[in-house]
């Protein structure tokens, strides 16, 4: 059975998919990080796309779950935005920024969670 935080992470991934975010991954960080339980990573291909992904993830997740991020960090023009739902952190990165920081490799011990239908 999925935990509440896992359900929230899946909702974030599905919301990102609705706005055509690219390369969406959900990583299970439980037992690996005291910062958060799940990390959702996704890419946008332009500044307007990053803004749309951030806006729509926030809106859809609130509509679907009632959850709002505690904090949002960064702006689309910084090429990296984080929505902090405490137990779930959503990283929305421009493709080039995502390649440069390679968070999947940094958290290489994390298990990937299937989120699609």
C-alpha atoms as a PDB file:
ATOM      1  CA  UNK A   1       0.000   0.000   0.000  1.00  0.00           C
ATOM      2  CA  UNK A   2       1.298   3.455  -0.922  1.00  0.00           C
ATOM      3  CA  UNK A   3       1.965   5.946   1.849  1.00  0.00           C
ATOM      4  CA  UNK A   4       0.300   9.364   1.811  1.00  0.00           C
ATOM      5  CA  UNK A   5       3.600  10.939   0.777  1.00  0.00           C
ATOM      6  CA  UNK A   6       3.976   8.411  -2.057  1.00  0.00           C
ATOM      7  CA  UNK A   7       0.433   9.175  -3.236  1.00  0.00           C
ATOM      8  CA  UNK A   8       1.288  12.883  -3.181  1.00  0.00           C
ATOM      9  CA  UNK A   9       4.487  12.231  -5.167  1.00  0.00           C
ATOM     10  CA  UNK A  10       2.513  10.276  -7.770  1.00  0.00           C
ATOM     11  CA  UNK A  11      -0.049  13.107  -7.977  1.00  0.00           C
ATOM     12  CA  UNK A  12       2.806  15.575  -8.579  1.00  0.00           C
ATOM     13  CA  UNK A  13       4.224  13.365 -11.354  1.00  0.00           C
ATOM     14  CA  UNK A  14       0.815  12.998 -13.008  1.00  0.00           C
ATOM     15  CA  UNK A  15       0.237  16.762 -12.806  1.00  0.00           C
ATOM     16  CA  UNK A  16       3.617  17.353 -14.492  1.00  0.00           C
ATOM     17  CA  UNK A  17       2.663  14.836 -17.174  1.00  0.00           C
ATOM     18  CA  UNK A  18      -0.593  16.738 -17.849  1.00  0.00           C
ATOM     19  CA  UNK A  19       1.440  19.777 -18.987  1.00  0.00           C
ATOM     20  CA  UNK A  20       3.885  17.623 -20.972  1.00  0.00           C
ATOM     21  CA  UNK A  21       6.841  17.893 -18.608  1.00  0.00           C
ATOM     22  CA  UNK A  22       9.594  15.608 -19.866  1.00  0.00           C
ATOM     23  CA  UNK A  23      11.520  12.699 -18.328  1.00  0.00           C
ATOM     24  CA  UNK A  24       9.424  12.531 -15.147  1.00  0.00           C
ATOM     25  CA  UNK A  25      10.946  10.435 -12.360  1.00  0.00           C
ATOM     26  CA  UNK A  26       9.785   9.747  -8.807  1.00  0.00           C
ATOM     27  CA  UNK A  27      12.552   8.731  -6.399  1.00  0.00           C
ATOM     28  CA  UNK A  28      11.940   7.104  -3.014  1.00  0.00           C
ATOM     29  CA  UNK A  29      14.377   8.706  -0.557  1.00  0.00           C
ATOM     30  CA  UNK A  30      12.957   7.127   2.597  1.00  0.00           C
ATOM     31  CA  UNK A  31      15.874   5.858   4.654  1.00  0.00           C
ATOM     32  CA  UNK A  32      18.347   7.796   2.469  1.00  0.00           C
ATOM     33  CA  UNK A  33      17.533  11.401   3.340  1.00  0.00           C
ATOM     34  CA  UNK A  34      16.146  13.222   6.347  1.00  0.00           C
ATOM     35  CA  UNK A  35      15.188  16.094   4.012  1.00  0.00           C
ATOM     36  CA  UNK A  36      12.202  14.488   2.269  1.00  0.00           C
ATOM     37  CA  UNK A  37      10.587  11.110   1.555  1.00  0.00           C
ATOM     38  CA  UNK A  38      10.135  11.464  -2.204  1.00  0.00           C
ATOM     39  CA  UNK A  39      11.678  13.552  -4.948  1.00  0.00           C
ATOM     40  CA  UNK A  40       9.898  14.200  -8.218  1.00  0.00           C
ATOM     41  CA  UNK A  41      12.161  15.277 -11.077  1.00  0.00           C
ATOM     42  CA  UNK A  42      10.946  16.617 -14.390  1.00  0.00           C
ATOM     43  CA  UNK A  43      12.224  18.758 -17.224  1.00  0.00           C
ATOM     44  CA  UNK A  44      10.912  21.646 -19.244  1.00  0.00           C
ATOM     45  CA  UNK A  45      12.299  22.720 -22.596  1.00  0.00           C
ATOM     46  CA  UNK A  46      11.846  26.506 -22.357  1.00  0.00           C
ATOM     47  CA  UNK A  47      11.209  29.262 -19.822  1.00  0.00           C
ATOM     48  CA  UNK A  48       7.462  29.417 -20.637  1.00  0.00           C
ATOM     49  CA  UNK A  49       7.254  25.615 -20.317  1.00  0.00           C
ATOM     50  CA  UNK A  50       8.987  25.695 -16.897  1.00  0.00           C
ATOM     51  CA  UNK A  51       6.522  28.367 -15.719  1.00  0.00           C
ATOM     52  CA  UNK A  52       3.566  26.334 -17.005  1.00  0.00           C
ATOM     53  CA  UNK A  53       4.787  23.129 -15.335  1.00  0.00           C
ATOM     54  CA  UNK A  54       5.262  24.924 -12.011  1.00  0.00           C
ATOM     55  CA  UNK A  55       1.839  26.612 -12.223  1.00  0.00           C
ATOM     56  CA  UNK A  56      -0.034  23.490 -13.302  1.00  0.00           C
ATOM     57  CA  UNK A  57       1.631  21.086 -10.855  1.00  0.00           C
ATOM     58  CA  UNK A  58       0.718  23.448  -8.028  1.00  0.00           C
ATOM     59  CA  UNK A  59      -2.880  23.884  -9.281  1.00  0.00           C
ATOM     60  CA  UNK A  60      -3.622  20.234 -10.164  1.00  0.00           C
ATOM     61  CA  UNK A  61      -2.100  18.850  -6.968  1.00  0.00           C
ATOM     62  CA  UNK A  62      -4.134  21.292  -4.886  1.00  0.00           C
ATOM     63  CA  UNK A  63      -7.322  20.401  -6.828  1.00  0.00           C
ATOM     64  CA  UNK A  64      -6.679  16.645  -6.565  1.00  0.00           C
ATOM     65  CA  UNK A  65      -5.287  16.349  -3.019  1.00  0.00           C
ATOM     66  CA  UNK A  66      -5.908  19.661  -1.252  1.00  0.00           C
ATOM     67  CA  UNK A  67      -2.144  19.951  -0.674  1.00  0.00           C
ATOM     68  CA  UNK A  68      -0.253  23.167  -1.305  1.00  0.00           C
ATOM     69  CA  UNK A  69       3.540  23.502  -1.305  1.00  0.00           C
ATOM     70  CA  UNK A  70       4.915  24.857   1.960  1.00  0.00           C
ATOM     71  CA  UNK A  71       7.468  26.783  -0.071  1.00  0.00           C
ATOM     72  CA  UNK A  72       8.472  27.369  -3.687  1.00  0.00           C
ATOM     73  CA  UNK A  73      12.086  28.210  -4.473  1.00  0.00           C
ATOM     74  CA  UNK A  74      13.508  29.615  -7.696  1.00  0.00           C
ATOM     75  CA  UNK A  75      11.925  31.120 -10.776  1.00  0.00           C
ATOM     76  CA  UNK A  76      11.653  29.768 -14.300  1.00  0.00           C
ATOM     77  CA  UNK A  77      14.426  32.101 -15.489  1.00  0.00           C
ATOM     78  CA  UNK A  78      16.787  30.490 -12.963  1.00  0.00           C
ATOM     79  CA  UNK A  79      16.139  27.211 -14.868  1.00  0.00           C
ATOM     80  CA  UNK A  80      15.438  25.305 -11.634  1.00  0.00           C
ATOM     81  CA  UNK A  81      12.311  25.518  -9.502  1.00  0.00           C
ATOM     82  CA  UNK A  82      11.538  23.494  -6.389  1.00  0.00           C
ATOM     83  CA  UNK A  83       8.056  22.994  -4.952  1.00  0.00           C
ATOM     84  CA  UNK A  84       8.435  21.841  -1.348  1.00  0.00           C
ATOM     85  CA  UNK A  85       5.547  19.759  -0.031  1.00  0.00           C
ATOM     86  CA  UNK A  86       7.741  18.703   2.953  1.00  0.00           C
ATOM     87  CA  UNK A  87       7.510  14.925   2.393  1.00  0.00           C
ATOM     88  CA  UNK A  88       7.711  15.457  -1.384  1.00  0.00           C
ATOM     89  CA  UNK A  89      10.025  17.833  -3.224  1.00  0.00           C
ATOM     90  CA  UNK A  90       9.288  18.561  -6.877  1.00  0.00           C
ATOM     91  CA  UNK A  91      12.286  19.685  -8.936  1.00  0.00           C
ATOM     92  CA  UNK A  92      11.354  21.305 -12.242  1.00  0.00           C
ATOM     93  CA  UNK A  93      14.516  21.864 -14.247  1.00  0.00           C
ATOM     94  CA  UNK A  94      15.446  23.060 -17.701  1.00  0.00           C
ATOM     95  CA  UNK A  95      16.889  20.091 -19.655  1.00  0.00           C
ATOM     96  CA  UNK A  96      20.451  21.527 -19.659  1.00  0.00           C
ATOM     97  CA  UNK A  97      20.354  22.329 -15.935  1.00  0.00           C
ATOM     98  CA  UNK A  98      19.097  18.837 -15.191  1.00  0.00           C
ATOM     99  CA  UNK A  99      21.950  17.287 -17.160  1.00  0.00           C
ATOM    100  CA  UNK A 100      24.494  19.513 -15.402  1.00  0.00           C
ATOM    101  CA  UNK A 101      23.370  18.731 -11.833  1.00  0.00           C
ATOM    102  CA  UNK A 102      22.436  15.081 -12.509  1.00  0.00           C
ATOM    103  CA  UNK A 103      20.263  14.619  -9.408  1.00  0.00           C
ATOM    104  CA  UNK A 104      19.359  11.064 -10.447  1.00  0.00           C
ATOM    105  CA  UNK A 105      23.036  10.102 -10.153  1.00  0.00           C
ATOM    106  CA  UNK A 106      23.454  12.068  -6.916  1.00  0.00           C
ATOM    107  CA  UNK A 107      20.579  10.031  -5.450  1.00  0.00           C
ATOM    108  CA  UNK A 108      21.617   6.858  -7.273  1.00  0.00           C
ATOM    109  CA  UNK A 109      20.720   4.651  -4.272  1.00  0.00           C
ATOM    110  CA  UNK A 110      17.089   5.810  -4.401  1.00  0.00           C
ATOM    111  CA  UNK A 111      14.481   3.438  -5.773  1.00  0.00           C
ATOM    112  CA  UNK A 112      12.429   4.676  -8.732  1.00  0.00           C
ATOM    113  CA  UNK A 113       8.671   4.568  -8.188  1.00  0.00           C
ATOM    114  CA  UNK A 114       6.317   3.731 -11.057  1.00  0.00           C
ATOM    115  CA  UNK A 115       3.738   6.515 -11.321  1.00  0.00           C
ATOM    116  CA  UNK A 116       2.081   6.115 -14.746  1.00  0.00           C
ATOM    117  CA  UNK A 117      -0.994   4.092 -15.595  1.00  0.00           C
END
